[in-house]
Protein backbone atom coordinates (compact mmCIF):
# COMPACT_ATOMS: atom_id res chain seq x y z
CA VAL A 1 -2.16 32.76 -5.42
CA PRO A 2 -0.85 32.17 -8.96
CA THR A 3 -0.26 28.59 -9.87
CA GLY A 4 2.22 29.56 -12.34
CA ILE A 5 0.94 26.70 -14.80
CA PRO A 6 1.01 28.09 -18.32
CA ASN A 7 -2.44 29.49 -19.35
CA PHE A 8 -4.15 28.19 -16.37
CA ASP A 9 -4.11 31.13 -14.12
CA ARG A 10 -5.97 33.55 -16.51
CA LEU A 11 -8.85 30.98 -16.67
CA ILE A 12 -9.46 31.67 -12.94
CA GLU A 13 -8.82 35.47 -12.81
CA GLY A 14 -5.15 35.15 -11.83
CA GLY A 15 -4.83 32.01 -9.39
CA PHE A 16 -6.43 30.47 -6.39
CA GLN A 17 -7.94 32.72 -3.76
CA ARG A 18 -5.52 32.92 -0.76
CA ARG A 19 -6.31 30.42 2.15
CA SER A 20 -8.66 28.60 -0.22
CA VAL A 21 -9.03 24.84 -0.51
CA ASN A 22 -8.98 23.53 -3.99
CA LEU A 23 -9.84 19.88 -5.26
CA VAL A 24 -8.26 18.42 -8.37
CA THR A 25 -9.81 15.05 -9.38
CA GLY A 26 -9.48 12.66 -12.31
CA GLY A 27 -8.43 9.27 -13.28
CA ALA A 28 -5.12 7.49 -13.50
CA GLY A 29 -2.57 9.29 -15.87
CA SER A 30 -4.53 12.50 -16.08
CA GLY A 31 -1.75 14.56 -14.40
CA LYS A 32 -2.89 15.31 -10.80
CA THR A 33 0.30 14.85 -9.16
CA ILE A 34 2.21 16.78 -11.76
CA PHE A 35 -0.36 19.59 -11.42
CA ALA A 36 0.09 19.55 -7.72
CA ILE A 37 3.80 19.47 -7.65
CA GLN A 38 4.13 22.16 -10.27
CA PHE A 39 1.80 24.50 -8.08
CA LEU A 40 4.46 23.85 -5.21
CA ILE A 41 7.49 24.23 -7.38
CA ASN A 42 6.39 27.54 -9.02
CA GLY A 43 5.45 28.84 -5.55
CA ILE A 44 9.10 28.12 -4.38
CA GLU A 45 10.81 29.42 -7.63
CA LYS A 46 8.56 32.40 -8.56
CA TYR A 47 6.85 33.59 -5.70
CA ASN A 48 9.04 32.64 -2.71
CA GLU A 49 6.35 30.66 -1.02
CA PRO A 50 7.57 27.37 0.63
CA GLY A 51 5.50 24.40 0.20
CA MET A 52 4.26 21.05 1.92
CA TYR A 53 3.46 17.80 0.18
CA ILE A 54 1.58 15.28 2.26
CA THR A 55 1.10 11.86 0.43
CA PHE A 56 -0.70 8.58 1.38
CA GLU A 57 0.62 6.91 -1.76
CA GLU A 58 3.77 8.10 -3.42
CA ARG A 59 7.28 6.90 -2.41
CA LYS A 60 9.58 9.66 -1.79
CA ASP A 61 12.43 8.21 -3.85
CA SER A 62 10.08 7.50 -6.97
CA LEU A 63 8.34 11.08 -6.74
CA TYR A 64 11.73 12.83 -6.62
CA LYS A 65 12.97 10.77 -9.55
CA ASP A 66 10.01 11.21 -11.54
CA MET A 67 9.88 14.95 -11.14
CA LEU A 68 13.46 15.39 -12.19
CA GLU A 69 12.15 14.71 -15.71
CA PHE A 70 10.60 18.30 -15.68
CA GLY A 71 13.74 19.69 -14.19
CA TRP A 72 12.35 19.99 -10.66
CA ASP A 73 14.76 19.14 -7.97
CA LEU A 74 12.81 18.41 -4.97
CA ALA A 75 15.80 17.13 -3.03
CA LYS A 76 17.62 20.46 -3.37
CA TYR A 77 14.56 22.37 -2.25
CA GLU A 78 14.11 20.14 0.69
CA LYS A 79 17.69 20.65 1.92
CA GLN A 80 16.88 24.33 1.73
CA GLY A 81 13.91 24.02 3.75
CA LYS A 82 11.59 25.32 1.06
CA PHE A 83 9.95 21.86 0.48
CA ILE A 84 8.69 19.54 3.09
CA PHE A 85 7.82 15.90 2.03
CA LEU A 86 5.38 13.88 4.45
CA ASN A 87 4.51 10.22 3.76
CA TYR A 88 1.62 9.82 6.14
CA LYS A 89 -0.99 7.01 6.75
CA PRO A 90 -4.50 8.30 6.54
CA ALA A 91 -4.92 7.31 10.14
CA GLN A 92 -2.18 9.59 11.19
CA VAL A 93 -3.89 12.77 9.48
CA LYS A 94 -6.98 11.73 11.45
CA LYS A 95 -4.92 11.82 14.46
CA VAL A 96 -3.64 15.25 13.45
CA LEU A 97 -7.20 16.53 13.34
CA VAL A 98 -7.94 15.32 16.88
CA GLU A 99 -4.72 16.93 18.09
CA GLY A 100 -5.28 20.17 16.29
CA GLY A 101 -2.34 20.15 14.22
CA GLY A 102 0.32 18.45 16.07
CA VAL A 103 3.80 17.94 14.47
CA ILE A 104 2.44 19.39 11.18
CA ASP A 105 1.57 22.62 13.03
CA THR A 106 5.13 22.93 14.14
CA ILE A 107 6.55 22.22 10.78
CA ILE A 108 4.45 24.65 9.01
CA THR A 109 5.19 27.43 11.54
CA GLU A 110 8.99 26.70 11.58
CA SER A 111 9.15 26.42 7.57
CA LYS A 112 6.83 29.37 6.99
CA ILE A 113 4.80 27.15 4.57
CA LYS A 114 2.35 28.87 2.34
CA ARG A 115 1.16 26.17 0.03
CA LEU A 116 0.11 22.93 0.89
CA VAL A 117 -0.92 19.69 -1.37
CA ILE A 118 -2.63 16.55 0.03
CA ASP A 119 -2.26 13.60 -2.58
CA SER A 120 -4.73 12.09 -2.24
CA ILE A 121 -7.82 12.90 -0.23
CA THR A 122 -9.46 9.81 -1.33
CA SER A 123 -7.53 7.52 0.97
CA PHE A 124 -8.28 9.76 3.92
CA THR A 125 -11.97 9.89 3.30
CA LEU A 126 -12.10 6.30 3.18
CA LEU A 127 -11.53 6.13 6.89
CA TYR A 128 -15.11 7.36 7.41
CA THR A 129 -18.19 5.06 6.64
CA SER A 130 -20.76 7.84 6.22
CA GLU A 131 -21.16 10.91 4.17
CA LEU A 132 -21.80 12.92 7.29
CA ALA A 133 -18.49 11.60 8.95
CA LYS A 134 -16.62 12.46 5.72
CA LYS A 135 -18.02 16.01 5.66
CA GLN A 136 -17.32 16.63 9.39
CA ALA A 137 -13.83 15.25 9.09
CA SER A 138 -13.09 17.44 5.89
CA LEU A 139 -14.53 20.56 7.75
CA GLN A 140 -12.11 19.98 10.55
CA LEU A 141 -9.30 19.63 7.96
CA PHE A 142 -10.19 22.72 6.04
CA GLU A 143 -10.44 24.69 9.44
CA LEU A 144 -6.75 23.59 10.22
CA ILE A 145 -5.77 24.76 6.87
CA SER A 146 -7.52 28.17 7.38
CA LYS A 147 -5.79 28.38 10.86
CA TRP A 148 -2.59 27.71 9.16
CA GLY A 149 -3.13 30.49 6.69
CA LEU A 150 -2.42 28.08 3.70
CA THR A 151 -3.64 27.72 0.12
CA ALA A 152 -4.25 24.19 -0.48
CA LEU A 153 -4.55 21.81 -3.21
CA LEU A 154 -6.19 18.43 -2.62
CA THR A 155 -6.27 15.60 -5.31
CA SER A 156 -8.64 12.75 -5.62
CA GLN A 157 -8.49 9.66 -7.66
CA ASN A 158 -11.61 9.00 -9.66
CA ASP A 159 -12.01 7.51 -13.31
CA SER A 160 -15.61 9.10 -13.62
CA PRO A 161 -15.16 12.69 -12.09
CA TYR A 162 -18.88 13.60 -12.60
CA GLU A 163 -19.83 10.58 -10.58
CA SER A 164 -17.23 11.04 -7.95
CA THR A 165 -18.35 10.38 -4.19
CA ILE A 166 -15.36 12.38 -3.32
CA ILE A 167 -16.84 15.44 -5.01
CA ALA A 168 -20.16 14.50 -3.61
CA SER A 169 -19.06 14.87 -0.11
CA LEU A 170 -16.69 17.91 -0.56
CA ASP A 171 -18.78 19.86 -3.19
CA PHE A 172 -19.92 22.42 -0.72
CA GLU A 173 -16.76 22.63 1.53
CA VAL A 174 -14.10 23.14 -1.00
CA ASP A 175 -13.64 26.56 -2.77
CA GLY A 176 -12.62 25.32 -6.16
CA ILE A 177 -13.09 21.90 -8.06
CA ILE A 178 -10.85 21.00 -11.16
CA LEU A 179 -11.71 18.01 -13.18
CA MET A 180 -8.86 16.42 -15.20
CA TYR A 181 -9.48 13.77 -17.94
CA HIS A 182 -7.36 11.20 -19.60
CA VAL A 183 -9.52 9.55 -22.20
CA ARG A 184 -9.55 7.63 -25.40
CA LYS A 185 -10.81 9.62 -28.42
CA LYS A 186 -10.46 8.15 -32.07
CA GLY A 187 -8.01 5.57 -30.83
CA ALA A 188 -5.67 7.84 -29.04
CA ARG A 189 -5.55 8.84 -25.48
CA ILE A 190 -5.83 12.68 -24.77
CA ARG A 191 -5.72 14.86 -21.63
CA ALA A 192 -8.08 17.72 -20.85
CA ILE A 193 -9.06 20.02 -18.07
CA GLU A 194 -12.16 21.55 -16.73
CA ILE A 195 -12.99 24.10 -13.95
CA LEU A 196 -16.23 22.90 -12.42
CA LYS A 197 -16.15 25.37 -9.56
CA MET A 198 -13.99 28.37 -8.37
CA ARG A 199 -15.70 30.32 -5.75
CA GLY A 200 -15.83 34.13 -6.15
CA THR A 201 -14.16 33.81 -9.68
CA HIS A 202 -15.54 34.14 -13.29
CA HIS A 203 -13.89 31.17 -14.44
CA ALA A 204 -13.47 29.39 -17.82
CA GLU A 205 -16.54 26.87 -18.47
CA GLU A 206 -15.23 24.95 -21.35
CA THR A 207 -13.13 21.65 -21.53
CA MET A 208 -9.89 22.61 -22.65
CA LEU A 209 -6.64 20.46 -23.95
CA LEU A 210 -4.07 19.67 -21.42
CA GLU A 211 -0.60 18.69 -22.46
CA ILE A 212 2.30 17.35 -20.34
CA THR A 213 5.57 18.95 -21.71
CA SER A 214 9.08 18.44 -20.54
CA ASN A 215 8.47 21.59 -18.37
CA GLY A 216 5.47 20.16 -16.96
CA ILE A 217 1.78 20.77 -17.38
CA LYS A 218 0.48 23.26 -20.19
CA VAL A 219 -3.27 24.27 -20.87
CA SER A 220 -4.28 25.25 -24.43
CA PRO A 221 -7.57 27.22 -23.72
CA GLN A 222 -8.19 27.86 -27.47
CA GLU A 223 -8.52 24.05 -28.10
CA ILE A 224 -11.83 22.89 -26.73
CA VAL A 225 -12.19 19.02 -26.03
CA THR A 226 -15.50 17.34 -26.74
CA PHE A 227 -16.02 13.74 -25.81
């Protein structure tokens, strides 16, 4: 399943595995939401794969306005039934797990959704107090995604990805982990990306420069970043 993000897919042998669950984690301003929306937009525009975006934090009007800066008209694709926006409370997703899909199941079937983004999984996992409960809930969620036949991208908020409790609880469950950085180096902020894990794939292991351009995210594999 190609992301369509310039220079990224060749780093993971062409794209995500179909029906896989992938985690993108990083601090504020690292580009997680842009990466996720670009994954959905490219699915719609380049591969005819409708997408669903479930968020616990983003306001619809703000997101739609912000994404227009990259030329991505989410409202247009929503009217066409190719893009579904759902603003859920974490407890509502918990209810979906109990119901085995519920309303989301119906939307996915009727709209023939192929790509799913949950932004961010951090809020959802905070509903559970123990690591065991987090893992059990995550497995339930992943089983639903598998049942739906979707390729999923989950984001998580963390300013120190290597110390992320989210990664600790999901490490063995997710198929891929992508780390995104927005750090100060020599008095300036730079962005970088690293593929920590991509199951069944010979992936790049360097930390590479990432830029946010007027067309979205672009990865520069030839520019290795050291911190």
